[in-house]
């Protein structure tokens, strides 16, 4: 969650600069919001289910652990995207954003 908040803050601060920093800052802030919401929904949903609805004596990871597995895959995708878009931004190019555009 700290990484998401950091991305949002830094991305919003970069929006004050010239292009391509403005576009890359907006994309970083939007991706940070997307990742933060995904983390809250998947981990929060898992914890709510774990502590309120999970039957006693249930063993095994699936299907109860499926949100955690999905979150791990999304986190791996997050790391790959951050590295790839960071390299692209360091070369002065605009990184394409794929996600829900919360900030225009």
N, C-alpha and C. Protein backbone atom coordinates (compact mmCIF):
# COMPACT_ATOMS: atom_id res chain seq x y z
N UNK A 1 0.82 -1.19 0.00
CA UNK A 1 0.00 0.00 0.00
C UNK A 1 0.86 1.26 0.00
N UNK A 2 2.01 1.17 0.63
CA UNK A 2 2.92 2.32 0.67
C UNK A 2 3.38 2.66 -0.74
N UNK A 3 3.66 1.63 -1.53
CA UNK A 3 4.11 1.87 -2.91
C UNK A 3 3.02 2.58 -3.72
N UNK A 4 1.78 2.20 -3.51
CA UNK A 4 0.68 2.84 -4.24
C UNK A 4 0.54 4.30 -3.86
N UNK A 5 0.58 4.59 -2.58
CA UNK A 5 0.46 5.97 -2.13
C UNK A 5 1.64 6.80 -2.63
N UNK A 6 2.83 6.21 -2.62
CA UNK A 6 4.01 6.91 -3.14
C UNK A 6 3.86 7.22 -4.62
N UNK A 7 3.36 6.25 -5.38
CA UNK A 7 3.14 6.48 -6.81
C UNK A 7 2.14 7.59 -7.04
N UNK A 8 1.09 7.63 -6.25
CA UNK A 8 0.07 8.66 -6.41
C UNK A 8 0.65 10.04 -6.11
N UNK A 9 1.36 10.15 -4.99
CA UNK A 9 1.92 11.45 -4.59
C UNK A 9 2.96 11.93 -5.60
N UNK A 10 3.89 11.08 -5.97
CA UNK A 10 4.93 11.48 -6.92
C UNK A 10 4.32 11.76 -8.29
N UNK A 11 3.37 10.94 -8.71
CA UNK A 11 2.73 11.17 -10.00
C UNK A 11 2.00 12.49 -10.07
N UNK A 12 1.32 12.85 -8.99
CA UNK A 12 0.62 14.13 -8.96
C UNK A 12 1.58 15.31 -8.93
N UNK A 13 2.72 15.14 -8.26
CA UNK A 13 3.72 16.22 -8.25
C UNK A 13 4.36 16.39 -9.62
N UNK A 14 4.53 15.30 -10.37
CA UNK A 14 5.14 15.39 -11.70
C UNK A 14 4.20 16.02 -12.72
N UNK A 15 2.93 16.11 -12.40
CA UNK A 15 1.97 16.70 -13.33
C UNK A 15 2.20 18.19 -13.53
N UNK A 16 2.97 18.79 -12.66
CA UNK A 16 3.25 20.23 -12.77
C UNK A 16 4.35 20.53 -13.78
N UNK A 17 5.08 19.50 -14.18
CA UNK A 17 6.20 19.69 -15.09
C UNK A 17 5.77 19.71 -16.55
N UNK A 18 6.76 19.85 -17.44
CA UNK A 18 6.46 19.85 -18.88
C UNK A 18 6.21 18.42 -19.38
N UNK A 19 5.77 18.34 -20.62
CA UNK A 19 5.60 17.02 -21.24
C UNK A 19 6.98 16.41 -21.45
N UNK A 20 7.19 15.14 -21.40
CA UNK A 20 6.29 14.04 -21.11
C UNK A 20 6.10 13.76 -19.62
N UNK A 21 6.71 14.57 -18.74
CA UNK A 21 6.57 14.33 -17.30
C UNK A 21 5.12 14.44 -16.87
N UNK A 22 4.37 15.35 -17.46
CA UNK A 22 2.96 15.52 -17.11
C UNK A 22 2.15 14.26 -17.43
N UNK A 23 2.31 13.73 -18.62
CA UNK A 23 1.56 12.53 -19.01
C UNK A 23 2.00 11.31 -18.21
N UNK A 24 3.30 11.18 -18.00
CA UNK A 24 3.81 10.05 -17.22
C UNK A 24 3.40 10.16 -15.75
N UNK A 25 3.34 11.38 -15.22
CA UNK A 25 2.88 11.57 -13.85
C UNK A 25 1.43 11.20 -13.69
N UNK A 26 0.61 11.58 -14.65
CA UNK A 26 -0.80 11.23 -14.61
C UNK A 26 -0.98 9.72 -14.70
N UNK A 27 -0.22 9.08 -15.59
CA UNK A 27 -0.31 7.62 -15.71
C UNK A 27 0.14 6.93 -14.44
N UNK A 28 1.21 7.43 -13.81
CA UNK A 28 1.69 6.83 -12.57
C UNK A 28 0.67 6.98 -11.45
N UNK A 29 0.07 8.16 -11.33
CA UNK A 29 -0.94 8.38 -10.29
C UNK A 29 -2.16 7.49 -10.51
N UNK A 30 -2.60 7.38 -11.75
CA UNK A 30 -3.75 6.52 -12.05
C UNK A 30 -3.43 5.05 -11.77
N UNK A 31 -2.24 4.62 -12.16
CA UNK A 31 -1.85 3.23 -11.90
C UNK A 31 -1.74 2.98 -10.40
N UNK A 32 -1.23 3.95 -9.65
CA UNK A 32 -1.16 3.81 -8.20
C UNK A 32 -2.54 3.66 -7.58
N UNK A 33 -3.51 4.43 -8.06
CA UNK A 33 -4.88 4.31 -7.56
C UNK A 33 -5.45 2.95 -7.92
N UNK A 34 -5.22 2.50 -9.16
CA UNK A 34 -5.71 1.18 -9.59
C UNK A 34 -5.12 0.07 -8.73
N UNK A 35 -3.82 0.13 -8.48
CA UNK A 35 -3.16 -0.91 -7.69
C UNK A 35 -3.62 -0.87 -6.24
N UNK A 36 -3.79 0.32 -5.69
CA UNK A 36 -4.27 0.46 -4.31
C UNK A 36 -5.67 -0.11 -4.16
N UNK A 37 -6.56 0.22 -5.08
CA UNK A 37 -7.92 -0.32 -5.01
C UNK A 37 -7.94 -1.83 -5.18
N UNK A 38 -7.12 -2.36 -6.08
CA UNK A 38 -7.04 -3.80 -6.26
C UNK A 38 -6.55 -4.48 -5.00
N UNK A 39 -5.54 -3.91 -4.36
CA UNK A 39 -5.02 -4.47 -3.12
C UNK A 39 -6.07 -4.46 -2.03
N UNK A 40 -6.76 -3.35 -1.87
CA UNK A 40 -7.79 -3.25 -0.83
C UNK A 40 -8.91 -4.24 -1.07
N UNK A 41 -9.37 -4.35 -2.31
CA UNK A 41 -10.48 -5.26 -2.61
C UNK A 41 -10.08 -6.72 -2.42
N UNK A 42 -8.92 -7.12 -2.96
CA UNK A 42 -8.54 -8.53 -2.88
C UNK A 42 -8.11 -8.95 -1.48
N UNK A 43 -7.22 -8.19 -0.86
CA UNK A 43 -6.76 -8.55 0.49
C UNK A 43 -7.88 -8.33 1.50
N UNK A 44 -8.59 -7.21 1.38
CA UNK A 44 -9.71 -6.96 2.29
C UNK A 44 -10.80 -8.00 2.16
N UNK A 45 -11.13 -8.35 0.93
CA UNK A 45 -12.14 -9.39 0.71
C UNK A 45 -11.73 -10.73 1.29
N UNK A 46 -10.46 -11.07 1.13
CA UNK A 46 -9.95 -12.32 1.70
C UNK A 46 -10.04 -12.30 3.22
N UNK A 47 -9.62 -11.20 3.84
CA UNK A 47 -9.65 -11.12 5.30
C UNK A 47 -11.06 -11.13 5.85
N UNK A 48 -11.97 -10.44 5.20
CA UNK A 48 -13.37 -10.46 5.64
C UNK A 48 -13.92 -11.87 5.56
N UNK A 49 -13.67 -12.54 4.44
CA UNK A 49 -14.15 -13.91 4.31
C UNK A 49 -13.49 -14.83 5.33
N UNK A 50 -12.19 -14.66 5.53
CA UNK A 50 -11.43 -15.52 6.44
C UNK A 50 -11.97 -15.44 7.86
N UNK A 51 -12.27 -14.23 8.31
CA UNK A 51 -12.66 -14.06 9.70
C UNK A 51 -14.17 -14.09 9.95
N UNK A 52 -14.99 -14.03 8.91
CA UNK A 52 -16.43 -14.02 9.15
C UNK A 52 -17.18 -15.19 8.53
N UNK A 53 -16.79 -15.63 7.35
CA UNK A 53 -17.59 -16.62 6.64
C UNK A 53 -16.96 -18.00 6.51
N UNK A 54 -15.66 -18.13 6.73
CA UNK A 54 -14.99 -19.40 6.49
C UNK A 54 -15.42 -20.44 7.52
N UNK A 55 -15.89 -21.60 7.05
CA UNK A 55 -16.33 -22.65 7.98
C UNK A 55 -15.16 -23.21 8.78
N UNK A 56 -15.43 -23.63 9.99
CA UNK A 56 -14.41 -24.22 10.86
C UNK A 56 -13.93 -25.54 10.26
N UNK A 57 -12.65 -25.81 10.38
CA UNK A 57 -12.09 -27.07 9.94
C UNK A 57 -11.84 -27.15 8.44
N UNK A 58 -12.03 -26.06 7.72
CA UNK A 58 -11.79 -26.06 6.29
C UNK A 58 -10.29 -26.02 6.04
N UNK A 59 -9.81 -26.92 5.17
CA UNK A 59 -8.39 -26.97 4.84
C UNK A 59 -8.21 -26.75 3.35
N UNK A 60 -7.00 -26.36 3.00
CA UNK A 60 -6.69 -26.13 1.59
C UNK A 60 -6.71 -24.65 1.26
N UNK A 61 -6.05 -24.33 0.17
CA UNK A 61 -5.92 -22.93 -0.23
C UNK A 61 -7.07 -22.50 -1.12
N UNK A 62 -7.45 -23.35 -2.05
CA UNK A 62 -8.49 -22.97 -3.00
C UNK A 62 -9.84 -23.39 -2.50
N UNK A 63 -10.87 -22.66 -2.71
CA UNK A 63 -11.00 -21.36 -3.36
C UNK A 63 -10.78 -20.19 -2.42
N UNK A 64 -10.56 -20.45 -1.11
CA UNK A 64 -10.45 -19.35 -0.14
C UNK A 64 -9.24 -18.48 -0.40
N UNK A 65 -8.15 -19.08 -0.86
CA UNK A 65 -6.93 -18.31 -1.09
C UNK A 65 -6.82 -17.73 -2.48
N UNK A 66 -7.83 -17.91 -3.30
CA UNK A 66 -7.79 -17.41 -4.67
C UNK A 66 -7.57 -15.89 -4.75
N UNK A 67 -8.20 -15.07 -3.90
CA UNK A 67 -7.89 -13.63 -3.96
C UNK A 67 -6.43 -13.32 -3.68
N UNK A 68 -5.80 -14.07 -2.79
CA UNK A 68 -4.39 -13.84 -2.49
C UNK A 68 -3.53 -14.21 -3.70
N UNK A 69 -3.84 -15.31 -4.35
CA UNK A 69 -3.10 -15.72 -5.54
C UNK A 69 -3.26 -14.70 -6.66
N UNK A 70 -4.48 -14.20 -6.85
CA UNK A 70 -4.72 -13.17 -7.87
C UNK A 70 -3.95 -11.90 -7.52
N UNK A 71 -3.94 -11.52 -6.22
CA UNK A 71 -3.20 -10.34 -5.81
C UNK A 71 -1.70 -10.49 -6.06
N UNK A 72 -1.17 -11.69 -5.83
CA UNK A 72 0.25 -11.93 -6.10
C UNK A 72 0.56 -11.77 -7.58
N UNK A 73 -0.33 -12.27 -8.43
CA UNK A 73 -0.13 -12.12 -9.88
C UNK A 73 -0.22 -10.66 -10.29
N UNK A 74 -1.19 -9.93 -9.73
CA UNK A 74 -1.32 -8.50 -10.03
C UNK A 74 -0.08 -7.75 -9.54
N UNK A 75 0.46 -8.14 -8.38
CA UNK A 75 1.66 -7.50 -7.85
C UNK A 75 2.87 -7.77 -8.74
N UNK A 76 2.99 -8.98 -9.26
CA UNK A 76 4.07 -9.28 -10.19
C UNK A 76 3.93 -8.43 -11.45
N UNK A 77 2.71 -8.33 -11.98
CA UNK A 77 2.43 -7.48 -13.13
C UNK A 77 2.77 -6.03 -12.81
N UNK A 78 2.46 -5.59 -11.59
CA UNK A 78 2.75 -4.23 -11.15
C UNK A 78 4.25 -3.94 -11.19
N UNK A 79 5.05 -4.85 -10.70
CA UNK A 79 6.51 -4.66 -10.69
C UNK A 79 7.04 -4.59 -12.12
N UNK A 80 6.57 -5.48 -12.98
CA UNK A 80 7.02 -5.49 -14.38
C UNK A 80 6.63 -4.20 -15.08
N UNK A 81 5.40 -3.75 -14.89
CA UNK A 81 4.93 -2.52 -15.52
C UNK A 81 5.72 -1.31 -15.01
N UNK A 82 5.98 -1.26 -13.71
CA UNK A 82 6.73 -0.12 -13.16
C UNK A 82 8.13 -0.06 -13.73
N UNK A 83 8.78 -1.19 -13.86
CA UNK A 83 10.13 -1.20 -14.43
C UNK A 83 10.10 -0.80 -15.91
N UNK A 84 9.19 -1.39 -16.67
CA UNK A 84 9.12 -1.10 -18.10
C UNK A 84 8.77 0.36 -18.37
N UNK A 85 7.78 0.88 -17.64
CA UNK A 85 7.38 2.26 -17.86
C UNK A 85 8.41 3.24 -17.30
N UNK A 86 9.13 2.85 -16.25
CA UNK A 86 10.20 3.70 -15.73
C UNK A 86 11.33 3.85 -16.73
N UNK A 87 11.68 2.75 -17.39
CA UNK A 87 12.71 2.80 -18.43
C UNK A 87 12.24 3.67 -19.59
N UNK A 88 11.00 3.50 -19.98
CA UNK A 88 10.46 4.30 -21.08
C UNK A 88 10.44 5.78 -20.73
N UNK A 89 10.03 6.10 -19.50
CA UNK A 89 9.99 7.50 -19.07
C UNK A 89 11.39 8.11 -18.96
N UNK A 90 12.37 7.30 -18.54
CA UNK A 90 13.73 7.82 -18.43
C UNK A 90 14.32 8.14 -19.80
N UNK A 91 13.79 7.57 -20.83
CA UNK A 91 14.24 7.86 -22.20
C UNK A 91 13.48 9.04 -22.82
N UNK A 92 12.57 9.64 -22.03
CA UNK A 92 11.85 10.81 -22.52
C UNK A 92 10.62 10.50 -23.32
N UNK A 93 10.14 9.27 -23.25
CA UNK A 93 8.94 8.90 -23.99
C UNK A 93 7.76 8.78 -23.03
N UNK A 94 6.57 8.89 -23.59
CA UNK A 94 5.35 8.78 -22.79
C UNK A 94 5.00 7.30 -22.63
N UNK A 95 4.74 6.90 -21.41
CA UNK A 95 4.35 5.52 -21.12
C UNK A 95 2.84 5.39 -21.32
N UNK A 96 2.40 4.42 -22.12
CA UNK A 96 0.96 4.25 -22.31
C UNK A 96 0.31 3.71 -21.04
N UNK A 97 -0.83 4.23 -20.69
CA UNK A 97 -1.53 3.80 -19.47
C UNK A 97 -2.64 2.84 -19.84
N UNK A 98 -2.68 1.72 -19.14
CA UNK A 98 -3.74 0.72 -19.32
C UNK A 98 -4.39 0.50 -17.97
N UNK A 99 -5.56 0.99 -17.82
CA UNK A 99 -6.28 0.86 -16.55
C UNK A 99 -7.43 1.83 -16.51
N UNK A 100 -8.02 1.98 -15.34
CA UNK A 100 -9.13 2.92 -15.17
C UNK A 100 -8.53 4.31 -14.99
N UNK A 101 -8.84 5.24 -15.88
CA UNK A 101 -8.26 6.58 -15.77
C UNK A 101 -9.01 7.44 -14.75
N UNK A 102 -8.53 7.46 -13.51
CA UNK A 102 -9.17 8.24 -12.46
C UNK A 102 -8.85 9.72 -12.57
N UNK A 103 -7.70 10.05 -13.15
CA UNK A 103 -7.24 11.43 -13.26
C UNK A 103 -7.03 11.74 -14.73
N UNK A 104 -7.52 12.88 -15.15
CA UNK A 104 -7.33 13.29 -16.55
C UNK A 104 -6.19 14.24 -16.67
